[in-house]
C-alpha atoms as a PDB file:
ATOM      1  CA  MET A   1      82.107  47.422  87.389  1.00  0.00           C
ATOM      2  CA  ARG A   2      80.474  50.400  89.068  1.00  0.00           C
ATOM      3  CA  ARG A   3      76.799  51.302  88.692  1.00  0.00           C
ATOM      4  CA  ILE A   4      75.903  54.964  89.175  1.00  0.00           C
ATOM      5  CA  SER A   5      72.557  56.754  89.077  1.00  0.00           C
ATOM      6  CA  GLN A   6      72.633  60.465  88.243  1.00  0.00           C
ATOM      7  CA  ILE A   7      69.580  62.462  89.294  1.00  0.00           C
ATOM      8  CA  SER A   8      69.248  66.196  88.891  1.00  0.00           C
ATOM      9  CA  ASP A   9      66.935  69.204  89.209  1.00  0.00           C
ATOM     10  CA  LEU A  10      64.641  67.762  91.856  1.00  0.00           C
ATOM     11  CA  HIS A  11      63.077  71.152  92.693  1.00  0.00           C
ATOM     12  CA  PHE A  12      61.277  70.307  95.906  1.00  0.00           C
ATOM     13  CA  GLY A  13      58.506  72.855  96.155  1.00  0.00           C
ATOM     14  CA  ARG A  14      57.488  71.984  92.578  1.00  0.00           C
ATOM     15  CA  THR A  15      57.578  68.186  92.414  1.00  0.00           C
ATOM     16  CA  ASP A  16      55.199  65.488  91.221  1.00  0.00           C
ATOM     17  CA  PRO A  17      54.580  63.240  94.260  1.00  0.00           C
ATOM     18  CA  ALA A  18      53.996  60.160  92.083  1.00  0.00           C
ATOM     19  CA  VAL A  19      57.349  60.662  90.354  1.00  0.00           C
ATOM     20  CA  VAL A  20      59.110  61.194  93.685  1.00  0.00           C
ATOM     21  CA  GLU A  21      57.695  57.948  95.058  1.00  0.00           C
ATOM     22  CA  GLY A  22      58.509  56.126  91.829  1.00  0.00           C
ATOM     23  CA  LEU A  23      62.105  57.345  91.914  1.00  0.00           C
ATOM     24  CA  VAL A  24      62.604  56.334  95.555  1.00  0.00           C
ATOM     25  CA  ALA A  25      61.230  52.877  94.776  1.00  0.00           C
ATOM     26  CA  GLU A  26      63.343  52.529  91.631  1.00  0.00           C
ATOM     27  CA  LEU A  27      66.617  53.531  93.281  1.00  0.00           C
ATOM     28  CA  ASN A  28      66.028  51.279  96.268  1.00  0.00           C
ATOM     29  CA  ALA A  29      65.215  48.349  93.993  1.00  0.00           C
ATOM     30  CA  ASP A  30      68.204  49.027  91.714  1.00  0.00           C
ATOM     31  CA  ARG A  31      70.680  49.707  94.567  1.00  0.00           C
ATOM     32  CA  PRO A  32      73.373  51.521  92.531  1.00  0.00           C
ATOM     33  CA  ASP A  33      76.903  51.672  93.910  1.00  0.00           C
ATOM     34  CA  LEU A  34      76.631  55.464  94.026  1.00  0.00           C
ATOM     35  CA  ILE A  35      73.973  58.138  93.474  1.00  0.00           C
ATOM     36  CA  ILE A  36      75.125  61.493  92.099  1.00  0.00           C
ATOM     37  CA  ILE A  37      72.802  64.484  92.483  1.00  0.00           C
ATOM     38  CA  SER A  38      73.777  67.385  90.233  1.00  0.00           C
ATOM     39  CA  GLY A  39      72.003  70.266  91.907  1.00  0.00           C
ATOM     40  CA  ASP A  40      68.722  72.151  92.323  1.00  0.00           C
ATOM     41  CA  PHE A  41      67.302  70.310  95.306  1.00  0.00           C
ATOM     42  CA  THR A  42      64.838  73.167  95.899  1.00  0.00           C
ATOM     43  CA  MET A  43      62.846  75.785  94.010  1.00  0.00           C
ATOM     44  CA  ALA A  44      63.956  78.803  96.005  1.00  0.00           C
ATOM     45  CA  GLY A  45      66.099  77.621  98.905  1.00  0.00           C
ATOM     46  CA  ARG A  46      63.227  77.774 101.401  1.00  0.00           C
ATOM     47  CA  ARG A  47      63.502  75.834 104.673  1.00  0.00           C
ATOM     48  CA  ARG A  48      60.422  73.718 103.953  1.00  0.00           C
ATOM     49  CA  GLU A  49      61.771  72.832 100.507  1.00  0.00           C
ATOM     50  CA  TYR A  50      65.100  71.838 102.006  1.00  0.00           C
ATOM     51  CA  ALA A  51      63.287  69.787 104.664  1.00  0.00           C
ATOM     52  CA  GLU A  52      61.451  67.903 101.893  1.00  0.00           C
ATOM     53  CA  ALA A  53      64.734  67.304 100.068  1.00  0.00           C
ATOM     54  CA  GLN A  54      66.365  66.080 103.279  1.00  0.00           C
ATOM     55  CA  ALA A  55      63.513  63.630 103.881  1.00  0.00           C
ATOM     56  CA  PHE A  56      63.859  62.400 100.300  1.00  0.00           C
ATOM     57  CA  LEU A  57      67.598  61.802 100.721  1.00  0.00           C
ATOM     58  CA  ALA A  58      66.987  59.853 103.922  1.00  0.00           C
ATOM     59  CA  ARG A  59      64.982  57.345 101.885  1.00  0.00           C
ATOM     60  CA  LEU A  60      67.684  56.743  99.272  1.00  0.00           C
ATOM     61  CA  PRO A  61      70.282  53.973  99.402  1.00  0.00           C
ATOM     62  CA  GLU A  62      73.764  55.175 100.322  1.00  0.00           C
ATOM     63  CA  PRO A  63      76.291  56.352  99.353  1.00  0.00           C
ATOM     64  CA  TRP A  64      75.408  59.524  97.495  1.00  0.00           C
ATOM     65  CA  ILE A  65      77.223  62.757  96.703  1.00  0.00           C
ATOM     66  CA  ALA A  66      75.874  66.084  95.468  1.00  0.00           C
ATOM     67  CA  VAL A  67      76.502  69.630  94.351  1.00  0.00           C
ATOM     68  CA  PRO A  68      74.191  72.640  94.790  1.00  0.00           C
ATOM     69  CA  GLY A  69      72.337  74.307  91.942  1.00  0.00           C
ATOM     70  CA  ASN A  70      71.383  77.909  91.328  1.00  0.00           C
ATOM     71  CA  HIS A  71      67.912  77.331  92.832  1.00  0.00           C
ATOM     72  CA  ASP A  72      69.487  76.213  96.099  1.00  0.00           C
ATOM     73  CA  ILE A  73      70.389  79.737  97.192  1.00  0.00           C
ATOM     74  CA  SER A  74      67.712  82.234  98.129  1.00  0.00           C
ATOM     75  CA  PRO A  75      66.481  84.706  95.485  1.00  0.00           C
ATOM     76  CA  PHE A  76      64.596  86.651  98.191  1.00  0.00           C
ATOM     77  CA  HIS A  77      66.901  87.113 101.200  1.00  0.00           C
ATOM     78  CA  LEU A  78      69.800  89.039  99.720  1.00  0.00           C
ATOM     79  CA  VAL A  79      71.843  89.231 102.932  1.00  0.00           C
ATOM     80  CA  GLN A  80      71.724  85.452 103.139  1.00  0.00           C
ATOM     81  CA  ARG A  81      72.420  85.113  99.404  1.00  0.00           C
ATOM     82  CA  PHE A  82      75.531  87.300  99.506  1.00  0.00           C
ATOM     83  CA  PHE A  83      77.027  86.437 102.907  1.00  0.00           C
ATOM     84  CA  ARG A  84      75.984  82.835 103.647  1.00  0.00           C
ATOM     85  CA  PRO A  85      74.474  81.489 100.422  1.00  0.00           C
ATOM     86  CA  PHE A  86      75.013  77.801 101.160  1.00  0.00           C
ATOM     87  CA  SER A  87      74.174  77.756 104.876  1.00  0.00           C
ATOM     88  CA  ARG A  88      70.871  75.941 104.340  1.00  0.00           C
ATOM     89  CA  TYR A  89      72.431  73.575 101.837  1.00  0.00           C
ATOM     90  CA  ARG A  90      75.115  72.650 104.370  1.00  0.00           C
ATOM     91  CA  ARG A  91      72.535  72.255 107.129  1.00  0.00           C
ATOM     92  CA  PHE A  92      70.005  70.124 105.241  1.00  0.00           C
ATOM     93  CA  ILE A  93      71.979  68.413 102.455  1.00  0.00           C
ATOM     94  CA  ALA A  94      75.733  68.092 103.049  1.00  0.00           C
ATOM     95  CA  PRO A  95      78.567  70.052 104.697  1.00  0.00           C
ATOM     96  CA  GLU A  96      80.635  70.113 101.492  1.00  0.00           C
ATOM     97  CA  THR A  97      79.597  71.840  98.259  1.00  0.00           C
ATOM     98  CA  GLU A  98      82.507  70.277  96.334  1.00  0.00           C
ATOM     99  CA  PRO A  99      82.860  66.724  97.625  1.00  0.00           C
ATOM    100  CA  VAL A 100      85.299  64.157  96.286  1.00  0.00           C
ATOM    101  CA  PHE A 101      84.598  60.432  95.995  1.00  0.00           C
ATOM    102  CA  GLN A 102      87.075  57.659  95.321  1.00  0.00           C
ATOM    103  CA  ASP A 103      87.075  53.886  95.479  1.00  0.00           C
ATOM    104  CA  GLU A 104      88.979  51.115  93.690  1.00  0.00           C
ATOM    105  CA  GLU A 105      87.432  51.849  90.276  1.00  0.00           C
ATOM    106  CA  ILE A 106      86.183  55.452  90.052  1.00  0.00           C
ATOM    107  CA  GLY A 107      87.294  58.914  91.129  1.00  0.00           C
ATOM    108  CA  ILE A 108      84.851  61.832  91.241  1.00  0.00           C
ATOM    109  CA  VAL A 109      85.497  65.546  91.687  1.00  0.00           C
ATOM    110  CA  CYS A 110      82.542  67.886  92.205  1.00  0.00           C
ATOM    111  CA  LEU A 111      82.458  71.590  91.326  1.00  0.00           C
ATOM    112  CA  ASN A 112      80.144  74.222  92.768  1.00  0.00           C
ATOM    113  CA  THR A 113      79.213  76.272  89.681  1.00  0.00           C
ATOM    114  CA  VAL A 114      76.618  78.506  91.392  1.00  0.00           C
ATOM    115  CA  ARG A 115      77.073  82.298  91.302  1.00  0.00           C
ATOM    116  CA  THR A 116      75.603  84.486  94.020  1.00  0.00           C
ATOM    117  CA  TRP A 117      75.797  87.588  91.825  1.00  0.00           C
ATOM    118  CA  ALA A 118      76.599  88.581  88.248  1.00  0.00           C
ATOM    119  CA  PRO A 119      76.890  91.902  86.364  1.00  0.00           C
ATOM    120  CA  GLU A 120      73.735  91.062  84.375  1.00  0.00           C
ATOM    121  CA  ARG A 121      70.039  90.542  85.019  1.00  0.00           C
ATOM    122  CA  ASP A 122      70.185  86.746  84.904  1.00  0.00           C
ATOM    123  CA  TRP A 123      71.971  85.472  88.009  1.00  0.00           C
ATOM    124  CA  SER A 124      71.014  81.849  87.372  1.00  0.00           C
ATOM    125  CA  GLN A 125      73.896  81.168  85.010  1.00  0.00           C
ATOM    126  CA  GLY A 126      76.910  79.373  86.416  1.00  0.00           C
ATOM    127  CA  LYS A 127      80.637  79.953  86.423  1.00  0.00           C
ATOM    128  CA  ILE A 128      83.803  78.035  87.211  1.00  0.00           C
ATOM    129  CA  HIS A 129      86.522  80.180  88.746  1.00  0.00           C
ATOM    130  CA  ARG A 130      90.144  79.816  87.672  1.00  0.00           C
ATOM    131  CA  TRP A 131      91.109  78.641  91.156  1.00  0.00           C
ATOM    132  CA  GLN A 132      88.416  75.949  90.953  1.00  0.00           C
ATOM    133  CA  ILE A 133      89.916  74.620  87.720  1.00  0.00           C
ATOM    134  CA  LEU A 134      93.367  74.521  89.308  1.00  0.00           C
ATOM    135  CA  ALA A 135      92.044  72.827  92.442  1.00  0.00           C
ATOM    136  CA  ALA A 136      90.061  70.264  90.422  1.00  0.00           C
ATOM    137  CA  GLU A 137      93.091  69.539  88.255  1.00  0.00           C
ATOM    138  CA  ALA A 138      95.228  68.971  91.349  1.00  0.00           C
ATOM    139  CA  ARG A 139      92.641  66.628  92.864  1.00  0.00           C
ATOM    140  CA  LEU A 140      92.305  64.667  89.626  1.00  0.00           C
ATOM    141  CA  ARG A 141      96.064  64.313  89.211  1.00  0.00           C
ATOM    142  CA  ARG A 142      96.395  62.934  92.733  1.00  0.00           C
ATOM    143  CA  MET A 143      94.047  60.083  91.884  1.00  0.00           C
ATOM    144  CA  PRO A 144      95.503  56.770  90.695  1.00  0.00           C
ATOM    145  CA  ALA A 145      95.826  56.624  86.914  1.00  0.00           C
ATOM    146  CA  HIS A 146      93.707  53.483  86.574  1.00  0.00           C
ATOM    147  CA  LEU A 147      90.552  55.109  87.997  1.00  0.00           C
ATOM    148  CA  PHE A 148      87.726  56.181  85.713  1.00  0.00           C
ATOM    149  CA  LYS A 149      87.503  59.901  86.450  1.00  0.00           C
ATOM    150  CA  ILE A 150      84.276  61.901  86.559  1.00  0.00           C
ATOM    151  CA  VAL A 151      83.599  65.607  87.131  1.00  0.00           C
ATOM    152  CA  VAL A 152      80.203  66.767  88.390  1.00  0.00           C
ATOM    153  CA  GLY A 153      78.710  70.261  88.214  1.00  0.00           C
ATOM    154  CA  HIS A 154      75.255  71.773  87.909  1.00  0.00           C
ATOM    155  CA  HIS A 155      75.566  73.933  84.792  1.00  0.00           C
ATOM    156  CA  PRO A 156      76.247  72.461  81.322  1.00  0.00           C
ATOM    157  CA  PHE A 157      79.757  72.066  79.931  1.00  0.00           C
ATOM    158  CA  LEU A 158      78.640  71.590  76.298  1.00  0.00           C
ATOM    159  CA  PRO A 159      75.587  72.987  74.463  1.00  0.00           C
ATOM    160  CA  PRO A 160      72.592  70.874  73.468  1.00  0.00           C
ATOM    161  CA  PRO A 161      72.599  69.734  69.837  1.00  0.00           C
ATOM    162  CA  TRP A 162      69.423  71.721  69.132  1.00  0.00           C
ATOM    163  CA  ASP A 163      70.923  74.997  70.377  1.00  0.00           C
ATOM    164  CA  GLU A 164      74.624  75.451  69.684  1.00  0.00           C
ATOM    165  CA  GLU A 165      74.510  78.985  71.120  1.00  0.00           C
ATOM    166  CA  ALA A 166      73.074  77.930  74.480  1.00  0.00           C
ATOM    167  CA  ARG A 167      74.647  79.495  77.553  1.00  0.00           C
ATOM    168  CA  LEU A 168      77.281  77.275  79.164  1.00  0.00           C
ATOM    169  CA  VAL A 169      78.935  77.421  82.535  1.00  0.00           C
ATOM    170  CA  GLY A 170      81.509  80.195  82.525  1.00  0.00           C
ATOM    171  CA  ARG A 171      85.021  79.016  81.524  1.00  0.00           C
ATOM    172  CA  ALA A 172      83.623  75.725  80.243  1.00  0.00           C
ATOM    173  CA  ASP A 173      86.281  75.579  77.516  1.00  0.00           C
ATOM    174  CA  LYS A 174      89.174  76.012  79.964  1.00  0.00           C
ATOM    175  CA  ALA A 175      87.630  73.520  82.383  1.00  0.00           C
ATOM    176  CA  LEU A 176      87.121  70.884  79.674  1.00  0.00           C
ATOM    177  CA  ALA A 177      90.707  71.342  78.492  1.00  0.00           C
ATOM    178  CA  ALA A 178      91.947  70.773  82.049  1.00  0.00           C
ATOM    179  CA  PHE A 179      89.716  67.726  82.469  1.00  0.00           C
ATOM    180  CA  ARG A 180      91.027  66.229  79.242  1.00  0.00           C
ATOM    181  CA  ARG A 181      94.611  66.732  80.418  1.00  0.00           C
ATOM    182  CA  CYS A 182      93.743  64.785  83.565  1.00  0.00           C
ATOM    183  CA  GLY A 183      92.137  61.901  81.703  1.00  0.00           C
ATOM    184  CA  VAL A 184      88.538  62.601  82.716  1.00  0.00           C
ATOM    185  CA  GLY A 185      86.112  60.326  80.877  1.00  0.00           C
ATOM    186  CA  LEU A 186      82.793  61.833  81.930  1.00  0.00           C
ATOM    187  CA  THR A 187      81.260  65.120  83.036  1.00  0.00           C
ATOM    188  CA  LEU A 188      77.784  65.163  84.570  1.00  0.00           C
ATOM    189  CA  ALA A 189      75.494  68.188  84.870  1.00  0.00           C
ATOM    190  CA  GLY A 190      71.885  69.338  84.786  1.00  0.00           C
ATOM    191  CA  HIS A 191      70.214  72.795  84.848  1.00  0.00           C
ATOM    192  CA  LEU A 192      68.520  72.644  81.421  1.00  0.00           C
ATOM    193  CA  HIS A 193      65.964  69.949  82.329  1.00  0.00           C
ATOM    194  CA  ARG A 194      66.820  68.135  79.102  1.00  0.00           C
ATOM    195  CA  HIS A 195      68.936  65.014  78.640  1.00  0.00           C
ATOM    196  CA  TYR A 196      71.628  64.796  75.989  1.00  0.00           C
ATOM    197  CA  ALA A 197      75.266  63.779  75.606  1.00  0.00           C
ATOM    198  CA  ARG A 198      78.130  64.937  73.416  1.00  0.00           C
ATOM    199  CA  PHE A 199      81.810  64.196  73.082  1.00  0.00           C
ATOM    200  CA  ALA A 200      84.247  67.059  73.608  1.00  0.00           C
ATOM    201  CA  ILE A 201      86.718  66.658  70.765  1.00  0.00           C
ATOM    202  CA  ALA A 202      89.643  69.050  70.433  1.00  0.00           C
ATOM    203  CA  ASP A 203      91.038  69.770  66.985  1.00  0.00           C
ATOM    204  CA  ARG A 204      93.012  72.512  65.294  1.00  0.00           C
ATOM    205  CA  ASP A 205      89.967  74.799  65.231  1.00  0.00           C
ATOM    206  CA  GLY A 206      89.110  74.270  68.888  1.00  0.00           C
ATOM    207  CA  ALA A 207      86.297  72.203  70.366  1.00  0.00           C
ATOM    208  CA  GLU A 208      83.900  70.182  68.259  1.00  0.00           C
ATOM    209  CA  HIS A 209      80.846  68.455  69.631  1.00  0.00           C
ATOM    210  CA  GLU A 210      79.652  65.069  68.453  1.00  0.00           C
ATOM    211  CA  GLU A 211      76.023  64.271  69.174  1.00  0.00           C
ATOM    212  CA  LEU A 212      75.164  60.807  70.439  1.00  0.00           C
ATOM    213  CA  ASP A 213      72.108  58.616  70.491  1.00  0.00           C
ATOM    214  CA  ARG A 214      69.938  60.005  73.289  1.00  0.00           C
ATOM    215  CA  ALA A 215      68.883  56.619  74.582  1.00  0.00           C
ATOM    216  CA  ARG A 216      72.279  55.001  75.050  1.00  0.00           C
ATOM    217  CA  MET A 217      75.678  56.664  75.172  1.00  0.00           C
ATOM    218  CA  ARG A 218      79.214  55.477  75.749  1.00  0.00           C
ATOM    219  CA  GLY A 219      82.373  57.359  76.649  1.00  0.00           C
ATOM    220  CA  GLY A 220      85.823  56.768  78.040  1.00  0.00           C
ATOM    221  CA  ASN A 221      89.077  55.254  76.791  1.00  0.00           C
ATOM    222  CA  GLY A 222      90.515  58.667  76.061  1.00  0.00           C
ATOM    223  CA  ARG A 223      87.285  60.385  75.047  1.00  0.00           C
ATOM    224  CA  LEU A 224      85.520  62.909  77.259  1.00  0.00           C
ATOM    225  CA  LEU A 225      81.736  62.518  77.241  1.00  0.00           C
ATOM    226  CA  ALA A 226      79.627  65.396  78.599  1.00  0.00           C
ATOM    227  CA  VAL A 227      76.290  64.087  79.871  1.00  0.00           C
ATOM    228  CA  GLN A 228      73.242  66.130  80.840  1.00  0.00           C
ATOM    229  CA  ALA A 229      70.388  64.857  82.983  1.00  0.00           C
ATOM    230  CA  GLY A 230      66.756  65.843  82.672  1.00  0.00           C
ATOM    231  CA  SER A 231      64.678  66.837  85.668  1.00  0.00           C
ATOM    232  CA  ALA A 232      64.159  63.805  87.886  1.00  0.00           C
ATOM    233  CA  THR A 233      61.080  64.887  89.853  1.00  0.00           C
ATOM    234  CA  SER A 234      60.058  68.460  88.988  1.00  0.00           C
ATOM    235  CA  THR A 235      56.886  69.559  87.220  1.00  0.00           C
ATOM    236  CA  ARG A 236      58.999  72.229  85.487  1.00  0.00           C
ATOM    237  CA  LEU A 237      59.631  70.188  82.343  1.00  0.00           C
ATOM    238  CA  ARG A 238      61.121  71.435  79.094  1.00  0.00           C
ATOM    239  CA  GLY A 239      60.537  70.617  75.455  1.00  0.00           C
ATOM    240  CA  ASN A 240      57.836  67.982  76.053  1.00  0.00           C
ATOM    241  CA  GLU A 241      60.470  65.839  77.750  1.00  0.00           C
ATOM    242  CA  PRO A 242      59.229  63.726  80.667  1.00  0.00           C
ATOM    243  CA  ASN A 243      61.027  63.373  83.978  1.00  0.00           C
ATOM    244  CA  ALA A 244      64.310  61.530  83.489  1.00  0.00           C
ATOM    245  CA  TYR A 245      67.503  60.383  85.133  1.00  0.00           C
ATOM    246  CA  ASN A 246      70.654  58.570  84.002  1.00  0.00           C
ATOM    247  CA  ARG A 247      71.927  55.082  84.769  1.00  0.00           C
ATOM    248  CA  ILE A 248      75.672  54.821  84.261  1.00  0.00           C
ATOM    249  CA  ALA A 249      77.772  51.657  84.166  1.00  0.00           C
ATOM    250  CA  ILE A 250      81.569  51.993  84.403  1.00  0.00           C
ATOM    251  CA  GLU A 251      83.522  48.961  83.200  1.00  0.00           C
ATOM    252  CA  ASP A 252      86.872  48.384  81.444  1.00  0.00           C
ATOM    253  CA  GLY A 253      87.531  52.091  80.992  1.00  0.00           C
ATOM    254  CA  LEU A 254      84.130  52.799  79.433  1.00  0.00           C
ATOM    255  CA  ALA A 255      81.017  54.549  80.716  1.00  0.00           C
ATOM    256  CA  THR A 256      77.701  53.393  79.298  1.00  0.00           C
ATOM    257  CA  VAL A 257      74.875  55.834  79.994  1.00  0.00           C
ATOM    258  CA  THR A 258      71.246  54.767  79.738  1.00  0.00           C
ATOM    259  CA  VAL A 259      68.473  57.347  80.068  1.00  0.00           C
ATOM    260  CA  ARG A 260      65.498  56.367  82.191  1.00  0.00           C
ATOM    261  CA  LEU A 261      62.174  58.130  81.497  1.00  0.00           C
ATOM    262  CA  TRP A 262      58.979  58.384  83.538  1.00  0.00           C
ATOM    263  CA  ASN A 263      56.072  57.126  81.416  1.00  0.00           C
ATOM    264  CA  GLY A 264      53.343  58.310  83.761  1.00  0.00           C
ATOM    265  CA  SER A 265      53.320  55.283  86.018  1.00  0.00           C
ATOM    266  CA  ALA A 266      56.825  53.748  85.942  1.00  0.00           C
ATOM    267  CA  TRP A 267      60.398  54.251  84.813  1.00  0.00           C
ATOM    268  CA  GLU A 268      61.601  52.742  81.545  1.00  0.00           C
ATOM    269  CA  ASP A 269      64.631  52.970  79.271  1.00  0.00           C
ATOM    270  CA  ALA A 270      64.444  55.742  76.687  1.00  0.00           C
ATOM    271  CA  ALA A 271      65.008  53.159  73.947  1.00  0.00           C
ATOM    272  CA  ALA A 272      61.869  51.291  75.047  1.00  0.00           C
ATOM    273  CA  ALA A 273      59.868  54.532  75.059  1.00  0.00           C
ATOM    274  CA  ARG A 274      60.483  55.182  71.367  1.00  0.00           C
END
């Protein structure tokens, strides 16, 4: 069995110190086999925000892997944004923006879905390039068949059940089709600051989305489960949802995802918070 904690949308520069301390304590007490951080370490890619994020990471149990989010590149310094957008990320967080992780039970491929520019006013939306899909597919196919395969990005692959028209990462449909061909059981993302999970089910009309219980979710054994994480530490909450992160257990070809919520003084399972 492998135990994974997925945290997302930390947003140093706009964090709740009590939640940050509670999360550090929780993760060190739980000691997961791996921590996955699905982007937005900072609010605006400032050095001081990155320094806070770096100090936070130094307090977490290892190993961990991460991808950048749209807030991790500067919205102010356009020369930096266009010509070296991830220089601070590589300096303070990790040298790779698309790391790969593999052990005896799981295989993980990360995708950098951040866009530096777009022909529209909203540059925060993400995109997966065709070459990224091909590269991810090649990496996944090189992994042993018995591994439980996971893909991590920042932007959502499937819409939330309360908004079927929500903006997804660009080429989400093509990416999900490629992931299914490679036997991926789980995708992990953030960006929306809301937690939810849905199965990607292909039929003759295309993709259908099956909503799951928000407190406990299970995927694998031939089914691709797309899981979103809430904001782990930010004060920028959405829809009256508290800070949240996901605990994931991988065993016998299945992923069981349990949402953990901050109740104001401690973390608890979403089922207990009902």
